[in-house]
Amino acid sequence: MLESEAHVRQERNIKVRTQLAGFPDTKRLEQFDFKFPSSIDEKKIRELASLRFLERHENAVFLGPPGVGKTHLAVSLGMEAIRHGFSVYFVSLTDLLDRLVQAQAENRMRRKMAHLRKCRLLILDEIGYRSLDKQATTCLFQLISERYERGSMILTSNKSYGEWGSIFQDNVIASAILDRLLHHSHTVNIKGESYRLKEKRKAGV
């Protein structure tokens, strides 16, 4: 009876933490088709799923063209982290930076940063979706500096590291951001065509 009650409480807590995480959808690693991308390091993904990188305050970066499963993998690792008791927050980079810029204008930056610093795993989706102005880039640098060696991040991007300078429009800050991100980081390069486009082609759309 006690074990049953404990299990119910645990599942309820997992459900609440999953809702608070802000995932766009619920995905599990078992649902990911590793045969679909033309190139992906499955062994490295499995190692990340062990969550040892979280215990070491390391980062993971998924790079590849749109539609190859970067967000799916990020969400599935986030959900695995929640099941193991870690706090997780998922957000697109542009949405987060819009909020940080607004918080800065309203003198709420310190409180916002404290909140972002507390979660064990921060997932930043779609780096490179749009170019960032200097204020947004500075906010991102501040966020990464705050979390450096204190908490883990997962980032997804359709841009190679060599193209990140064009995202931030400032090569000096781009180098500083990459320096902190890559110091304790696992990079997974994914190659292949878009799964969504492939499904549309199959359907004759």
C-alpha atoms as a PDB file:
ATOM      1  CA  MET A   1       0.000   0.000   0.000  1.00  0.00           C
ATOM      2  CA  LEU A   2       2.765   2.431   0.979  1.00  0.00           C
ATOM      3  CA  GLU A   3       4.734   1.559  -2.166  1.00  0.00           C
ATOM      4  CA  SER A   4       1.623   2.147  -4.277  1.00  0.00           C
ATOM      5  CA  GLU A   5       1.023   5.565  -2.689  1.00  0.00           C
ATOM      6  CA  ALA A   6       4.673   6.512  -3.172  1.00  0.00           C
ATOM      7  CA  HIS A   7       4.466   5.503  -6.841  1.00  0.00           C
ATOM      8  CA  VAL A   8       1.315   7.586  -7.348  1.00  0.00           C
ATOM      9  CA  ARG A   9       2.999  10.613  -5.733  1.00  0.00           C
ATOM     10  CA  GLN A  10       6.092  10.137  -7.877  1.00  0.00           C
ATOM     11  CA  GLU A  11       4.055   9.937 -11.082  1.00  0.00           C
ATOM     12  CA  ARG A  12       2.076  13.015 -10.049  1.00  0.00           C
ATOM     13  CA  ASN A  13       5.303  14.935  -9.403  1.00  0.00           C
ATOM     14  CA  ILE A  14       6.673  13.863 -12.768  1.00  0.00           C
ATOM     15  CA  LYS A  15       3.491  15.064 -14.480  1.00  0.00           C
ATOM     16  CA  VAL A  16       3.660  18.458 -12.739  1.00  0.00           C
ATOM     17  CA  ARG A  17       7.381  18.928 -13.506  1.00  0.00           C
ATOM     18  CA  THR A  18       6.752  17.951 -17.134  1.00  0.00           C
ATOM     19  CA  GLN A  19       4.021  20.597 -17.431  1.00  0.00           C
ATOM     20  CA  LEU A  20       6.248  23.234 -15.803  1.00  0.00           C
ATOM     21  CA  ALA A  21       9.139  22.384 -18.136  1.00  0.00           C
ATOM     22  CA  GLY A  22       7.346  23.933 -21.122  1.00  0.00           C
ATOM     23  CA  PHE A  23       7.988  21.161 -23.639  1.00  0.00           C
ATOM     24  CA  PRO A  24       6.286  21.693 -27.034  1.00  0.00           C
ATOM     25  CA  ASP A  25       5.396  17.992 -27.053  1.00  0.00           C
ATOM     26  CA  THR A  26       6.167  14.846 -25.070  1.00  0.00           C
ATOM     27  CA  LYS A  27       8.849  12.707 -26.691  1.00  0.00           C
ATOM     28  CA  ARG A  28      10.754   9.652 -25.507  1.00  0.00           C
ATOM     29  CA  LEU A  29      14.081   8.395 -26.795  1.00  0.00           C
ATOM     30  CA  GLU A  30      12.466   5.028 -27.640  1.00  0.00           C
ATOM     31  CA  GLN A  31      10.344   6.856 -30.227  1.00  0.00           C
ATOM     32  CA  PHE A  32      13.364   8.217 -32.104  1.00  0.00           C
ATOM     33  CA  ASP A  33      14.238   6.392 -35.339  1.00  0.00           C
ATOM     34  CA  PHE A  34      18.031   6.262 -35.409  1.00  0.00           C
ATOM     35  CA  LYS A  35      17.884   4.775 -38.926  1.00  0.00           C
ATOM     36  CA  PHE A  36      16.281   7.908 -40.364  1.00  0.00           C
ATOM     37  CA  PRO A  37      19.200  10.420 -40.253  1.00  0.00           C
ATOM     38  CA  SER A  38      21.959   9.655 -42.746  1.00  0.00           C
ATOM     39  CA  SER A  39      24.506  10.345 -40.001  1.00  0.00           C
ATOM     40  CA  ILE A  40      24.105  10.373 -36.204  1.00  0.00           C
ATOM     41  CA  ASP A  41      26.208   9.098 -33.300  1.00  0.00           C
ATOM     42  CA  GLU A  42      23.710   6.829 -31.531  1.00  0.00           C
ATOM     43  CA  LYS A  43      26.303   5.754 -28.963  1.00  0.00           C
ATOM     44  CA  LYS A  44      26.826   9.365 -27.894  1.00  0.00           C
ATOM     45  CA  ILE A  45      23.056   9.907 -27.583  1.00  0.00           C
ATOM     46  CA  ARG A  46      22.743   6.802 -25.399  1.00  0.00           C
ATOM     47  CA  GLU A  47      25.561   8.078 -23.209  1.00  0.00           C
ATOM     48  CA  LEU A  48      23.798  11.437 -22.824  1.00  0.00           C
ATOM     49  CA  ALA A  49      20.627   9.547 -21.846  1.00  0.00           C
ATOM     50  CA  SER A  50      22.522   8.147 -18.846  1.00  0.00           C
ATOM     51  CA  LEU A  51      22.409  11.778 -17.559  1.00  0.00           C
ATOM     52  CA  ARG A  52      25.997  11.655 -16.325  1.00  0.00           C
ATOM     53  CA  PHE A  53      26.568  14.927 -18.169  1.00  0.00           C
ATOM     54  CA  LEU A  54      24.047  16.543 -15.788  1.00  0.00           C
ATOM     55  CA  GLU A  55      25.910  15.331 -12.738  1.00  0.00           C
ATOM     56  CA  ARG A  56      29.106  16.862 -14.173  1.00  0.00           C
ATOM     57  CA  HIS A  57      27.400  20.160 -15.157  1.00  0.00           C
ATOM     58  CA  GLU A  58      28.256  19.601 -18.815  1.00  0.00           C
ATOM     59  CA  ASN A  59      26.359  20.702 -21.925  1.00  0.00           C
ATOM     60  CA  ALA A  60      25.063  19.001 -25.064  1.00  0.00           C
ATOM     61  CA  VAL A  61      24.667  20.636 -28.473  1.00  0.00           C
ATOM     62  CA  PHE A  62      22.685  19.133 -31.360  1.00  0.00           C
ATOM     63  CA  LEU A  63      23.644  20.540 -34.769  1.00  0.00           C
ATOM     64  CA  GLY A  64      21.934  19.759 -38.060  1.00  0.00           C
ATOM     65  CA  PRO A  65      19.497  20.952 -40.723  1.00  0.00           C
ATOM     66  CA  PRO A  66      15.789  21.439 -39.937  1.00  0.00           C
ATOM     67  CA  GLY A  67      13.678  18.330 -39.477  1.00  0.00           C
ATOM     68  CA  VAL A  68      16.347  15.774 -38.494  1.00  0.00           C
ATOM     69  CA  GLY A  69      15.164  15.319 -34.899  1.00  0.00           C
ATOM     70  CA  LYS A  70      17.236  17.765 -32.838  1.00  0.00           C
ATOM     71  CA  THR A  71      14.275  19.013 -30.792  1.00  0.00           C
ATOM     72  CA  HIS A  72      12.928  15.468 -30.378  1.00  0.00           C
ATOM     73  CA  LEU A  73      16.244  14.387 -28.847  1.00  0.00           C
ATOM     74  CA  ALA A  74      16.457  17.468 -26.626  1.00  0.00           C
ATOM     75  CA  VAL A  75      12.919  16.933 -25.298  1.00  0.00           C
ATOM     76  CA  SER A  76      13.447  13.208 -24.747  1.00  0.00           C
ATOM     77  CA  LEU A  77      16.596  13.875 -22.695  1.00  0.00           C
ATOM     78  CA  GLY A  78      14.720  16.550 -20.772  1.00  0.00           C
ATOM     79  CA  MET A  79      11.903  14.121 -19.970  1.00  0.00           C
ATOM     80  CA  GLU A  80      14.403  11.494 -18.869  1.00  0.00           C
ATOM     81  CA  ALA A  81      15.995  14.073 -16.566  1.00  0.00           C
ATOM     82  CA  ILE A  82      12.594  14.862 -15.037  1.00  0.00           C
ATOM     83  CA  ARG A  83      11.956  11.166 -14.380  1.00  0.00           C
ATOM     84  CA  HIS A  84      15.222  11.136 -12.431  1.00  0.00           C
ATOM     85  CA  GLY A  85      14.242  14.113 -10.288  1.00  0.00           C
ATOM     86  CA  PHE A  86      16.033  16.948 -12.109  1.00  0.00           C
ATOM     87  CA  SER A  87      14.353  20.297 -12.758  1.00  0.00           C
ATOM     88  CA  VAL A  88      14.122  21.141 -16.470  1.00  0.00           C
ATOM     89  CA  TYR A  89      13.083  24.201 -18.453  1.00  0.00           C
ATOM     90  CA  PHE A  90      12.587  24.188 -22.247  1.00  0.00           C
ATOM     91  CA  VAL A  91      12.334  27.388 -24.289  1.00  0.00           C
ATOM     92  CA  SER A  92      13.198  28.645 -27.760  1.00  0.00           C
ATOM     93  CA  LEU A  93      16.191  30.959 -27.693  1.00  0.00           C
ATOM     94  CA  THR A  94      14.328  33.862 -29.307  1.00  0.00           C
ATOM     95  CA  ASP A  95      11.445  33.656 -26.807  1.00  0.00           C
ATOM     96  CA  LEU A  96      13.824  33.538 -23.863  1.00  0.00           C
ATOM     97  CA  LEU A  97      15.920  36.458 -25.058  1.00  0.00           C
ATOM     98  CA  ASP A  98      12.807  38.557 -25.699  1.00  0.00           C
ATOM     99  CA  ARG A  99      11.853  37.945 -22.058  1.00  0.00           C
ATOM    100  CA  LEU A 100      15.358  38.725 -20.806  1.00  0.00           C
ATOM    101  CA  VAL A 101      15.524  41.990 -22.757  1.00  0.00           C
ATOM    102  CA  GLN A 102      12.136  42.958 -21.308  1.00  0.00           C
ATOM    103  CA  ALA A 103      13.250  41.962 -17.797  1.00  0.00           C
ATOM    104  CA  GLN A 104      16.345  44.121 -18.220  1.00  0.00           C
ATOM    105  CA  ALA A 105      14.207  47.107 -19.239  1.00  0.00           C
ATOM    106  CA  GLU A 106      11.994  46.582 -16.168  1.00  0.00           C
ATOM    107  CA  ASN A 107      14.901  46.062 -13.737  1.00  0.00           C
ATOM    108  CA  ARG A 108      13.922  42.421 -13.164  1.00  0.00           C
ATOM    109  CA  MET A 109      17.048  40.901 -14.688  1.00  0.00           C
ATOM    110  CA  ARG A 110      18.592  39.689 -11.433  1.00  0.00           C
ATOM    111  CA  ARG A 111      15.415  37.846 -10.413  1.00  0.00           C
ATOM    112  CA  LYS A 112      15.014  36.329 -13.889  1.00  0.00           C
ATOM    113  CA  MET A 113      18.621  35.140 -13.955  1.00  0.00           C
ATOM    114  CA  ALA A 114      18.270  33.628 -10.482  1.00  0.00           C
ATOM    115  CA  HIS A 115      15.289  31.601 -11.725  1.00  0.00           C
ATOM    116  CA  LEU A 116      17.175  30.394 -14.808  1.00  0.00           C
ATOM    117  CA  ARG A 117      20.256  29.575 -12.763  1.00  0.00           C
ATOM    118  CA  LYS A 118      18.297  27.289 -10.418  1.00  0.00           C
ATOM    119  CA  CYS A 119      17.051  24.716 -12.939  1.00  0.00           C
ATOM    120  CA  ARG A 120      19.422  21.793 -13.388  1.00  0.00           C
ATOM    121  CA  LEU A 121      18.837  21.487 -17.133  1.00  0.00           C
ATOM    122  CA  LEU A 122      18.047  24.417 -19.419  1.00  0.00           C
ATOM    123  CA  ILE A 123      17.119  23.524 -23.006  1.00  0.00           C
ATOM    124  CA  LEU A 124      17.555  26.316 -25.559  1.00  0.00           C
ATOM    125  CA  ASP A 125      15.927  25.424 -28.868  1.00  0.00           C
ATOM    126  CA  GLU A 126      16.544  26.872 -32.332  1.00  0.00           C
ATOM    127  CA  ILE A 127      19.753  28.874 -31.995  1.00  0.00           C
ATOM    128  CA  GLY A 128      20.184  30.604 -35.332  1.00  0.00           C
ATOM    129  CA  TYR A 129      16.491  30.850 -36.187  1.00  0.00           C
ATOM    130  CA  ARG A 130      17.050  34.596 -36.415  1.00  0.00           C
ATOM    131  CA  SER A 131      19.993  36.951 -35.943  1.00  0.00           C
ATOM    132  CA  LEU A 132      20.322  38.622 -32.552  1.00  0.00           C
ATOM    133  CA  ASP A 133      21.007  42.269 -31.851  1.00  0.00           C
ATOM    134  CA  LYS A 134      23.757  43.306 -29.455  1.00  0.00           C
ATOM    135  CA  GLN A 135      21.455  43.593 -26.420  1.00  0.00           C
ATOM    136  CA  ALA A 136      20.040  40.083 -26.915  1.00  0.00           C
ATOM    137  CA  THR A 137      23.533  38.689 -27.516  1.00  0.00           C
ATOM    138  CA  THR A 138      24.781  40.297 -24.303  1.00  0.00           C
ATOM    139  CA  CYS A 139      21.837  38.773 -22.395  1.00  0.00           C
ATOM    140  CA  LEU A 140      22.701  35.327 -23.787  1.00  0.00           C
ATOM    141  CA  PHE A 141      26.349  35.733 -22.821  1.00  0.00           C
ATOM    142  CA  GLN A 142      25.295  36.728 -19.305  1.00  0.00           C
ATOM    143  CA  LEU A 143      23.001  33.691 -19.039  1.00  0.00           C
ATOM    144  CA  ILE A 144      25.691  31.267 -20.208  1.00  0.00           C
ATOM    145  CA  SER A 145      28.227  32.845 -17.854  1.00  0.00           C
ATOM    146  CA  GLU A 146      25.780  32.514 -14.940  1.00  0.00           C
ATOM    147  CA  ARG A 147      25.292  28.800 -15.653  1.00  0.00           C
ATOM    148  CA  TYR A 148      28.919  28.011 -16.514  1.00  0.00           C
ATOM    149  CA  GLU A 149      30.017  24.986 -14.435  1.00  0.00           C
ATOM    150  CA  ARG A 150      26.867  25.389 -12.280  1.00  0.00           C
ATOM    151  CA  GLY A 151      24.165  23.815 -14.454  1.00  0.00           C
ATOM    152  CA  SER A 152      23.760  21.938 -17.725  1.00  0.00           C
ATOM    153  CA  MET A 153      22.279  23.090 -21.000  1.00  0.00           C
ATOM    154  CA  ILE A 154      21.100  21.406 -24.171  1.00  0.00           C
ATOM    155  CA  LEU A 155      21.140  23.566 -27.280  1.00  0.00           C
ATOM    156  CA  THR A 156      19.834  22.879 -30.781  1.00  0.00           C
ATOM    157  CA  SER A 157      20.909  24.759 -33.895  1.00  0.00           C
ATOM    158  CA  ASN A 158      20.717  24.443 -37.667  1.00  0.00           C
ATOM    159  CA  LYS A 159      23.958  26.428 -37.921  1.00  0.00           C
ATOM    160  CA  SER A 160      27.480  25.054 -37.631  1.00  0.00           C
ATOM    161  CA  TYR A 161      29.738  26.615 -35.005  1.00  0.00           C
ATOM    162  CA  GLY A 162      31.540  28.494 -37.771  1.00  0.00           C
ATOM    163  CA  GLU A 163      28.293  30.305 -38.614  1.00  0.00           C
ATOM    164  CA  TRP A 164      27.495  31.430 -35.072  1.00  0.00           C
ATOM    165  CA  GLY A 165      29.327  34.720 -35.562  1.00  0.00           C
ATOM    166  CA  SER A 166      26.658  35.745 -38.086  1.00  0.00           C
ATOM    167  CA  ILE A 167      23.895  34.888 -35.577  1.00  0.00           C
ATOM    168  CA  PHE A 168      25.338  37.152 -32.900  1.00  0.00           C
ATOM    169  CA  GLN A 169      26.672  39.846 -35.266  1.00  0.00           C
ATOM    170  CA  ASP A 170      29.683  40.140 -32.989  1.00  0.00           C
ATOM    171  CA  ASN A 171      32.563  37.709 -33.455  1.00  0.00           C
ATOM    172  CA  VAL A 172      34.146  38.624 -30.112  1.00  0.00           C
ATOM    173  CA  ILE A 173      31.018  37.779 -28.088  1.00  0.00           C
ATOM    174  CA  ALA A 174      30.357  34.730 -30.297  1.00  0.00           C
ATOM    175  CA  SER A 175      33.851  33.442 -29.452  1.00  0.00           C
ATOM    176  CA  ALA A 176      33.286  34.084 -25.737  1.00  0.00           C
ATOM    177  CA  ILE A 177      29.926  32.265 -25.829  1.00  0.00           C
ATOM    178  CA  LEU A 178      31.421  29.289 -27.679  1.00  0.00           C
ATOM    179  CA  ASP A 179      34.395  29.197 -25.309  1.00  0.00           C
ATOM    180  CA  ARG A 180      32.139  28.726 -22.276  1.00  0.00           C
ATOM    181  CA  LEU A 181      29.694  26.399 -24.012  1.00  0.00           C
ATOM    182  CA  LEU A 182      32.265  24.063 -25.516  1.00  0.00           C
ATOM    183  CA  HIS A 183      34.614  23.852 -22.530  1.00  0.00           C
ATOM    184  CA  HIS A 184      32.439  21.094 -21.019  1.00  0.00           C
ATOM    185  CA  SER A 185      30.291  20.041 -23.950  1.00  0.00           C
ATOM    186  CA  HIS A 186      29.174  17.087 -26.076  1.00  0.00           C
ATOM    187  CA  THR A 187      28.451  17.981 -29.705  1.00  0.00           C
ATOM    188  CA  VAL A 188      26.215  15.741 -31.815  1.00  0.00           C
ATOM    189  CA  ASN A 189      26.188  16.456 -35.554  1.00  0.00           C
ATOM    190  CA  ILE A 190      23.102  15.097 -37.324  1.00  0.00           C
ATOM    191  CA  LYS A 191      22.896  14.861 -41.114  1.00  0.00           C
ATOM    192  CA  GLY A 192      19.962  13.933 -43.304  1.00  0.00           C
ATOM    193  CA  GLU A 193      16.837  15.236 -44.971  1.00  0.00           C
ATOM    194  CA  SER A 194      13.858  16.636 -43.115  1.00  0.00           C
ATOM    195  CA  TYR A 195      11.600  13.939 -41.667  1.00  0.00           C
ATOM    196  CA  ARG A 196       8.586  16.202 -42.189  1.00  0.00           C
ATOM    197  CA  LEU A 197       9.418  16.771 -45.866  1.00  0.00           C
ATOM    198  CA  LYS A 198       9.957  13.045 -46.349  1.00  0.00           C
ATOM    199  CA  GLU A 199       6.529  12.286 -44.853  1.00  0.00           C
ATOM    200  CA  LYS A 200       4.906  14.921 -47.101  1.00  0.00           C
ATOM    201  CA  ARG A 201       6.569  13.387 -50.143  1.00  0.00           C
ATOM    202  CA  LYS A 202       5.295   9.952 -49.119  1.00  0.00           C
ATOM    203  CA  ALA A 203       1.791  11.377 -48.793  1.00  0.00           C
ATOM    204  CA  GLY A 204       2.077  12.968 -52.236  1.00  0.00           C
ATOM    205  CA  VAL A 205       1.779  16.523 -50.898  1.00  0.00           C
END
